[in-house]
C-alpha atoms as a PDB file:
ATOM      1  CA  ALA A   1       0.000   0.000   0.000  1.00  0.00           C
ATOM      2  CA  ALA A   2       2.865   2.390   0.761  1.00  0.00           C
ATOM      3  CA  THR A   3       4.106   1.880  -2.796  1.00  0.00           C
ATOM      4  CA  ASP A   4       0.644   1.758  -4.378  1.00  0.00           C
ATOM      5  CA  SER A   5       1.588  -1.701  -5.664  1.00  0.00           C
ATOM      6  CA  THR A   6      -2.019  -2.869  -5.220  1.00  0.00           C
ATOM      7  CA  ASP A   7      -2.822  -0.834  -8.328  1.00  0.00           C
ATOM      8  CA  PHE A   8      -0.692  -3.333 -10.277  1.00  0.00           C
ATOM      9  CA  ILE A   9      -0.697  -6.628  -8.341  1.00  0.00           C
ATOM     10  CA  GLY A  10      -2.771  -8.706  -5.968  1.00  0.00           C
ATOM     11  CA  ARG A  11      -1.107 -10.835  -3.301  1.00  0.00           C
ATOM     12  CA  ALA A  12      -2.100 -13.871  -1.272  1.00  0.00           C
ATOM     13  CA  TRP A  13      -0.077 -15.215   1.676  1.00  0.00           C
ATOM     14  CA  PHE A  14       0.331 -18.913   2.446  1.00  0.00           C
ATOM     15  CA  HIS A  15       2.282 -20.661   5.214  1.00  0.00           C
ATOM     16  CA  PRO A  16       2.745 -24.225   6.539  1.00  0.00           C
ATOM     17  CA  ARG A  17       1.112 -23.233   9.853  1.00  0.00           C
ATOM     18  CA  TYR A  18      -1.256 -20.499   8.640  1.00  0.00           C
ATOM     19  CA  GLU A  19      -3.799 -19.474  11.296  1.00  0.00           C
ATOM     20  CA  ALA A  20      -6.079 -16.526  10.636  1.00  0.00           C
ATOM     21  CA  ASP A  21      -6.573 -15.989  14.383  1.00  0.00           C
ATOM     22  CA  VAL A  22      -2.818 -15.458  14.786  1.00  0.00           C
ATOM     23  CA  VAL A  23      -2.946 -12.828  12.048  1.00  0.00           C
ATOM     24  CA  GLY A  24      -5.518 -11.243  14.355  1.00  0.00           C
ATOM     25  CA  HIS A  25      -7.889  -9.663  11.926  1.00  0.00           C
ATOM     26  CA  ALA A  26     -11.620  -9.220  12.243  1.00  0.00           C
ATOM     27  CA  ASP A  27     -11.888  -7.465   8.887  1.00  0.00           C
ATOM     28  CA  VAL A  28     -10.522  -8.425   5.508  1.00  0.00           C
ATOM     29  CA  ILE A  29      -6.797  -7.754   5.123  1.00  0.00           C
ATOM     30  CA  ALA A  30      -5.667  -7.925   1.513  1.00  0.00           C
ATOM     31  CA  GLY A  31      -3.712 -11.110   0.875  1.00  0.00           C
ATOM     32  CA  HIS A  32      -4.866 -12.958   3.993  1.00  0.00           C
ATOM     33  CA  ALA A  33      -7.618 -15.503   4.468  1.00  0.00           C
ATOM     34  CA  ILE A  34     -11.110 -14.134   4.925  1.00  0.00           C
ATOM     35  CA  PRO A  35     -11.847 -14.046   8.691  1.00  0.00           C
ATOM     36  CA  HIS A  36     -13.669 -17.145   9.932  1.00  0.00           C
ATOM     37  CA  ARG A  37     -16.724 -15.234  11.136  1.00  0.00           C
ATOM     38  CA  GLN A  38     -17.183 -13.702   7.695  1.00  0.00           C
ATOM     39  CA  VAL A  39     -17.006 -17.120   6.023  1.00  0.00           C
ATOM     40  CA  ALA A  40     -19.598 -18.344   8.550  1.00  0.00           C
ATOM     41  CA  LYS A  41     -21.861 -15.405   7.583  1.00  0.00           C
ATOM     42  CA  PHE A  42     -21.412 -16.184   3.881  1.00  0.00           C
ATOM     43  CA  MET A  43     -22.344 -19.810   4.626  1.00  0.00           C
ATOM     44  CA  SER A  44     -25.479 -18.757   6.534  1.00  0.00           C
ATOM     45  CA  ARG A  45     -26.579 -16.568   3.627  1.00  0.00           C
ATOM     46  CA  LEU A  46     -26.094 -19.405   1.144  1.00  0.00           C
ATOM     47  CA  VAL A  47     -28.051 -21.795   3.380  1.00  0.00           C
ATOM     48  CA  GLY A  48     -30.817 -19.189   3.794  1.00  0.00           C
ATOM     49  CA  SER A  49     -31.062 -18.633   0.053  1.00  0.00           C
ATOM     50  CA  GLY A  50     -31.140 -22.373  -0.637  1.00  0.00           C
ATOM     51  CA  GLU A  51     -28.014 -22.131  -2.777  1.00  0.00           C
ATOM     52  CA  LEU A  52     -25.807 -24.303  -0.559  1.00  0.00           C
ATOM     53  CA  VAL A  53     -26.220 -27.911  -1.605  1.00  0.00           C
ATOM     54  CA  ASP A  54     -23.749 -29.228   0.994  1.00  0.00           C
ATOM     55  CA  SER A  55     -24.449 -29.375   4.704  1.00  0.00           C
ATOM     56  CA  PRO A  56     -23.106 -26.280   6.474  1.00  0.00           C
ATOM     57  CA  LEU A  57     -19.988 -26.779   8.576  1.00  0.00           C
ATOM     58  CA  GLU A  58     -19.953 -26.461  12.339  1.00  0.00           C
ATOM     59  CA  TYR A  59     -17.949 -23.368  13.300  1.00  0.00           C
ATOM     60  CA  ASP A  60     -14.945 -25.252  14.701  1.00  0.00           C
ATOM     61  CA  LYS A  61     -14.667 -27.309  11.494  1.00  0.00           C
ATOM     62  CA  LEU A  62     -15.018 -24.172   9.402  1.00  0.00           C
ATOM     63  CA  VAL A  63     -12.114 -22.556  11.320  1.00  0.00           C
ATOM     64  CA  VAL A  64      -9.827 -25.528  10.658  1.00  0.00           C
ATOM     65  CA  ALA A  65     -10.806 -25.758   6.987  1.00  0.00           C
ATOM     66  CA  ASN A  66     -10.526 -21.997   6.396  1.00  0.00           C
ATOM     67  CA  ASP A  67      -6.969 -22.030   7.794  1.00  0.00           C
ATOM     68  CA  LEU A  68      -6.010 -25.110   5.781  1.00  0.00           C
ATOM     69  CA  VAL A  69      -6.971 -23.348   2.559  1.00  0.00           C
ATOM     70  CA  ARG A  70      -3.955 -21.059   3.202  1.00  0.00           C
ATOM     71  CA  ARG A  71      -1.450 -23.743   4.179  1.00  0.00           C
ATOM     72  CA  THR A  72       1.374 -24.770   1.869  1.00  0.00           C
ATOM     73  CA  PRO A  73       4.574 -26.791   2.393  1.00  0.00           C
ATOM     74  CA  HIS A  74       6.633 -23.581   2.304  1.00  0.00           C
ATOM     75  CA  ALA A  75       5.926 -19.936   3.077  1.00  0.00           C
ATOM     76  CA  THR A  76       4.605 -18.554  -0.207  1.00  0.00           C
ATOM     77  CA  ILE A  77       3.349 -15.285  -1.615  1.00  0.00           C
ATOM     78  CA  ASN A  78       1.147 -15.643  -4.683  1.00  0.00           C
ATOM     79  CA  ILE A  79       1.395 -12.550  -6.864  1.00  0.00           C
ATOM     80  CA  LEU A  80      -1.138 -11.864  -9.604  1.00  0.00           C
ATOM     81  CA  ARG A  81      -1.072  -9.000 -12.045  1.00  0.00           C
ATOM     82  CA  ARG A  82      -4.069  -6.705 -11.645  1.00  0.00           C
ATOM     83  CA  ALA A  83      -4.913  -7.430 -15.301  1.00  0.00           C
ATOM     84  CA  GLN A  84      -5.296 -11.145 -14.409  1.00  0.00           C
ATOM     85  CA  LEU A  85      -7.671 -10.309 -11.583  1.00  0.00           C
ATOM     86  CA  GLN A  86      -9.690  -7.988 -13.821  1.00  0.00           C
ATOM     87  CA  ALA A  87      -9.844 -10.635 -16.571  1.00  0.00           C
ATOM     88  CA  ALA A  88     -11.176 -13.166 -14.053  1.00  0.00           C
ATOM     89  CA  GLY A  89     -13.841 -10.677 -12.970  1.00  0.00           C
ATOM     90  CA  GLU A  90     -14.854 -10.045 -16.576  1.00  0.00           C
ATOM     91  CA  PHE A  91     -15.026 -13.790 -17.229  1.00  0.00           C
ATOM     92  CA  GLU A  92     -17.365 -14.244 -14.254  1.00  0.00           C
ATOM     93  CA  LYS A  93     -19.605 -11.437 -15.482  1.00  0.00           C
ATOM     94  CA  GLY A  94     -20.009 -13.323 -18.752  1.00  0.00           C
ATOM     95  CA  LEU A  95     -21.291 -16.429 -16.984  1.00  0.00           C
ATOM     96  CA  GLY A  96     -24.744 -14.898 -16.534  1.00  0.00           C
ATOM     97  CA  ASP A  97     -26.977 -17.151 -14.411  1.00  0.00           C
ATOM     98  CA  LYS A  98     -24.089 -19.577 -13.892  1.00  0.00           C
ATOM     99  CA  ARG A  99     -22.040 -16.901 -12.153  1.00  0.00           C
ATOM    100  CA  PRO A 100     -21.139 -17.998  -8.608  1.00  0.00           C
ATOM    101  CA  LYS A 101     -22.824 -16.171  -5.756  1.00  0.00           C
ATOM    102  CA  ALA A 102     -20.578 -13.438  -4.317  1.00  0.00           C
ATOM    103  CA  ASN A 103     -18.130 -14.806  -1.720  1.00  0.00           C
ATOM    104  CA  SER A 104     -19.346 -18.374  -2.236  1.00  0.00           C
ATOM    105  CA  ILE A 105     -15.820 -19.480  -3.219  1.00  0.00           C
ATOM    106  CA  TYR A 106     -14.705 -19.157   0.421  1.00  0.00           C
ATOM    107  CA  VAL A 107     -17.553 -21.382   1.581  1.00  0.00           C
ATOM    108  CA  ARG A 108     -17.013 -23.918  -1.203  1.00  0.00           C
ATOM    109  CA  ASN A 109     -13.271 -24.079  -0.444  1.00  0.00           C
ATOM    110  CA  ALA A 110     -13.871 -24.637   3.286  1.00  0.00           C
ATOM    111  CA  ILE A 111     -16.434 -27.369   2.609  1.00  0.00           C
ATOM    112  CA  ARG A 112     -14.128 -29.050   0.065  1.00  0.00           C
ATOM    113  CA  VAL A 113     -11.222 -29.071   2.558  1.00  0.00           C
ATOM    114  CA  ALA A 114     -13.458 -30.325   5.397  1.00  0.00           C
ATOM    115  CA  LYS A 115     -14.702 -33.200   3.213  1.00  0.00           C
ATOM    116  CA  HIS A 116     -11.115 -34.094   2.375  1.00  0.00           C
ATOM    117  CA  LEU A 117     -10.252 -34.141   6.093  1.00  0.00           C
ATOM    118  CA  ASN A 118     -13.199 -36.415   6.810  1.00  0.00           C
ATOM    119  CA  THR A 119     -11.933 -38.942   4.280  1.00  0.00           C
ATOM    120  CA  ARG A 120      -8.211 -38.645   5.105  1.00  0.00           C
ATOM    121  CA  GLY A 121      -8.189 -38.095   8.872  1.00  0.00           C
ATOM    122  CA  ALA A 122      -7.636 -35.170  11.208  1.00  0.00           C
ATOM    123  CA  SER A 123      -3.840 -35.676  11.416  1.00  0.00           C
ATOM    124  CA  GLU A 124      -3.428 -33.574   8.250  1.00  0.00           C
ATOM    125  CA  THR A 125      -4.257 -30.397  10.183  1.00  0.00           C
ATOM    126  CA  GLU A 126      -0.948 -30.569  12.020  1.00  0.00           C
END
C-alpha cells in the first residue's frame, strides 16, 4: 500500500502453519484468508437462500478448513497481475446465471477441505 503496488498486483499469503486468528484480523486484510466469522456469515446466507447444496460446517470445522486453505509446504506469496484479476472478474460477469454467488468461493473451499479431512483423517491439520 505504501508503494501503491495494489494498483498493479494482488497478493495472497500462504504458510505451513497459517492461522487466521494469529494474524488477528476481524476485517478483511488484503492477501490474507477471509476471517472465519465472515465465512460463517457467507455460509449462513447461502443456506438461507437455498443455494448451498452441501451441509453447512460447524464453526470449529469451518475454522480448521478456512486455515487449511492457506497452508502450503513452504511460506509462499502468490502474486497476480491486476490485469489477471480484472480478466477473471470479466469472465465471471459473462457467466450470466451460472455466475457464482458473491463470496461463495470461500464457503465452497472450506467445505471441500473439510470433506477431504473427513476422508483422510484429522492428522493432516498438524
